[in-house]
C-alpha atoms as a PDB file:
ATOM      1  CA  MET A   1      77.587 -82.508 -19.723  1.00  0.00           C
ATOM      2  CA  SER A   2      80.764 -81.525 -21.498  1.00  0.00           C
ATOM      3  CA  GLU A   3      81.740 -79.477 -18.420  1.00  0.00           C
ATOM      4  CA  PHE A   4      81.075 -82.253 -15.883  1.00  0.00           C
ATOM      5  CA  PRO A   5      82.371 -85.825 -16.361  1.00  0.00           C
ATOM      6  CA  GLN A   6      79.467 -87.170 -14.296  1.00  0.00           C
ATOM      7  CA  ILE A   7      76.261 -85.490 -13.194  1.00  0.00           C
ATOM      8  CA  THR A   8      73.309 -86.767 -11.177  1.00  0.00           C
ATOM      9  CA  SER A   9      69.711 -86.591 -12.318  1.00  0.00           C
ATOM     10  CA  SER A  10      68.878 -84.102  -9.537  1.00  0.00           C
ATOM     11  CA  GLN A  11      71.746 -81.830 -10.631  1.00  0.00           C
ATOM     12  CA  ILE A  12      70.444 -81.902 -14.211  1.00  0.00           C
ATOM     13  CA  ARG A  13      66.946 -81.009 -12.976  1.00  0.00           C
ATOM     14  CA  ARG A  14      68.239 -78.042 -10.972  1.00  0.00           C
ATOM     15  CA  LEU A  15      70.289 -76.751 -13.916  1.00  0.00           C
ATOM     16  CA  HIS A  16      67.825 -77.208 -16.775  1.00  0.00           C
ATOM     17  CA  TYR A  17      64.225 -77.439 -15.542  1.00  0.00           C
ATOM     18  CA  SER A  18      62.176 -74.686 -13.915  1.00  0.00           C
ATOM     19  CA  GLU A  19      58.753 -76.290 -13.374  1.00  0.00           C
ATOM     20  CA  THR A  20      57.353 -77.603 -10.121  1.00  0.00           C
ATOM     21  CA  LYS A  21      59.328 -80.391  -8.482  1.00  0.00           C
ATOM     22  CA  ASN A  22      56.927 -83.026  -9.799  1.00  0.00           C
ATOM     23  CA  GLY A  23      57.043 -81.496 -13.295  1.00  0.00           C
ATOM     24  CA  GLN A  24      60.836 -81.440 -13.210  1.00  0.00           C
ATOM     25  CA  GLU A  25      61.009 -85.116 -12.313  1.00  0.00           C
ATOM     26  CA  VAL A  26      58.537 -86.214 -14.970  1.00  0.00           C
ATOM     27  CA  ARG A  27      60.048 -84.208 -17.837  1.00  0.00           C
ATOM     28  CA  SER A  28      63.683 -84.879 -16.938  1.00  0.00           C
ATOM     29  CA  ARG A  29      63.046 -88.609 -16.541  1.00  0.00           C
ATOM     30  CA  ARG A  30      61.433 -88.708 -19.984  1.00  0.00           C
ATOM     31  CA  HIS A  31      64.235 -86.701 -21.620  1.00  0.00           C
ATOM     32  CA  LEU A  32      67.101 -88.554 -19.922  1.00  0.00           C
ATOM     33  CA  THR A  33      65.585 -91.961 -20.679  1.00  0.00           C
ATOM     34  CA  ARG A  34      65.333 -90.963 -24.334  1.00  0.00           C
ATOM     35  CA  LEU A  35      68.989 -89.841 -24.432  1.00  0.00           C
ATOM     36  CA  TYR A  36      69.997 -93.119 -22.757  1.00  0.00           C
ATOM     37  CA  LYS A  37      68.018 -95.237 -25.247  1.00  0.00           C
ATOM     38  CA  LEU A  38      69.594 -93.332 -28.156  1.00  0.00           C
ATOM     39  CA  GLY A  39      73.038 -94.128 -26.739  1.00  0.00           C
ATOM     40  CA  LEU A  40      73.958 -90.461 -26.248  1.00  0.00           C
ATOM     41  CA  VAL A  41      74.522 -90.857 -22.490  1.00  0.00           C
ATOM     42  CA  GLU A  42      75.411 -93.713 -20.156  1.00  0.00           C
ATOM     43  CA  ARG A  43      73.846 -94.061 -16.750  1.00  0.00           C
ATOM     44  CA  ILE A  44      74.797 -95.860 -13.591  1.00  0.00           C
ATOM     45  CA  TRP A  45      72.900 -96.262 -10.344  1.00  0.00           C
ATOM     46  CA  GLY A  46      74.405 -94.040  -7.653  1.00  0.00           C
ATOM     47  CA  ILE A  47      73.750 -94.505  -3.937  1.00  0.00           C
ATOM     48  CA  TYR A  48      74.416 -91.588  -1.597  1.00  0.00           C
ATOM     49  CA  GLY A  49      73.890 -92.495   2.030  1.00  0.00           C
ATOM     50  CA  GLU A  50      71.113 -94.798   3.181  1.00  0.00           C
ATOM     51  CA  ASP A  51      68.125 -93.034   1.648  1.00  0.00           C
ATOM     52  CA  ARG A  52      69.321 -91.212  -1.482  1.00  0.00           C
ATOM     53  CA  GLN A  53      69.577 -93.157  -4.725  1.00  0.00           C
ATOM     54  CA  GLU A  54      69.544 -91.767  -8.248  1.00  0.00           C
ATOM     55  CA  TYR A  55      71.050 -92.196 -11.682  1.00  0.00           C
ATOM     56  CA  VAL A  56      74.420 -90.687 -12.518  1.00  0.00           C
ATOM     57  CA  TYR A  57      74.865 -89.733 -16.178  1.00  0.00           C
ATOM     58  CA  GLN A  58      78.005 -89.444 -18.274  1.00  0.00           C
ATOM     59  CA  LEU A  59      78.928 -89.344 -21.932  1.00  0.00           C
ATOM     60  CA  PRO A  60      79.742 -92.747 -23.442  1.00  0.00           C
ATOM     61  CA  ASP A  61      83.445 -93.410 -23.982  1.00  0.00           C
ATOM     62  CA  SER A  62      82.977 -93.706 -27.740  1.00  0.00           C
ATOM     63  CA  GLY A  63      81.187 -90.382 -28.048  1.00  0.00           C
ATOM     64  CA  LYS A  64      82.983 -88.053 -25.663  1.00  0.00           C
ATOM     65  CA  ARG A  65      84.526 -86.145 -28.518  1.00  0.00           C
ATOM     66  CA  ALA A  66      81.692 -86.557 -31.001  1.00  0.00           C
ATOM     67  CA  HIS A  67      78.752 -85.344 -28.897  1.00  0.00           C
ATOM     68  CA  ARG A  68      78.587 -82.175 -26.880  1.00  0.00           C
ATOM     69  CA  ILE A  69      75.427 -82.216 -24.762  1.00  0.00           C
END
């Protein structure tokens, strides 16, 4: 995430997970929720068109220099 100011959950799945599509969604959701609860990432709800909605992740303002994910 240090290279991209904001990144969608589907972009993270494509970059970091190689399982089946269902496996990617389950594991990435679990990992990203954990990072969010620990305060290591912020997430906002992004809407792209009428039928595509997903979380957009970014580093929190307070930790942009401290954490390199």
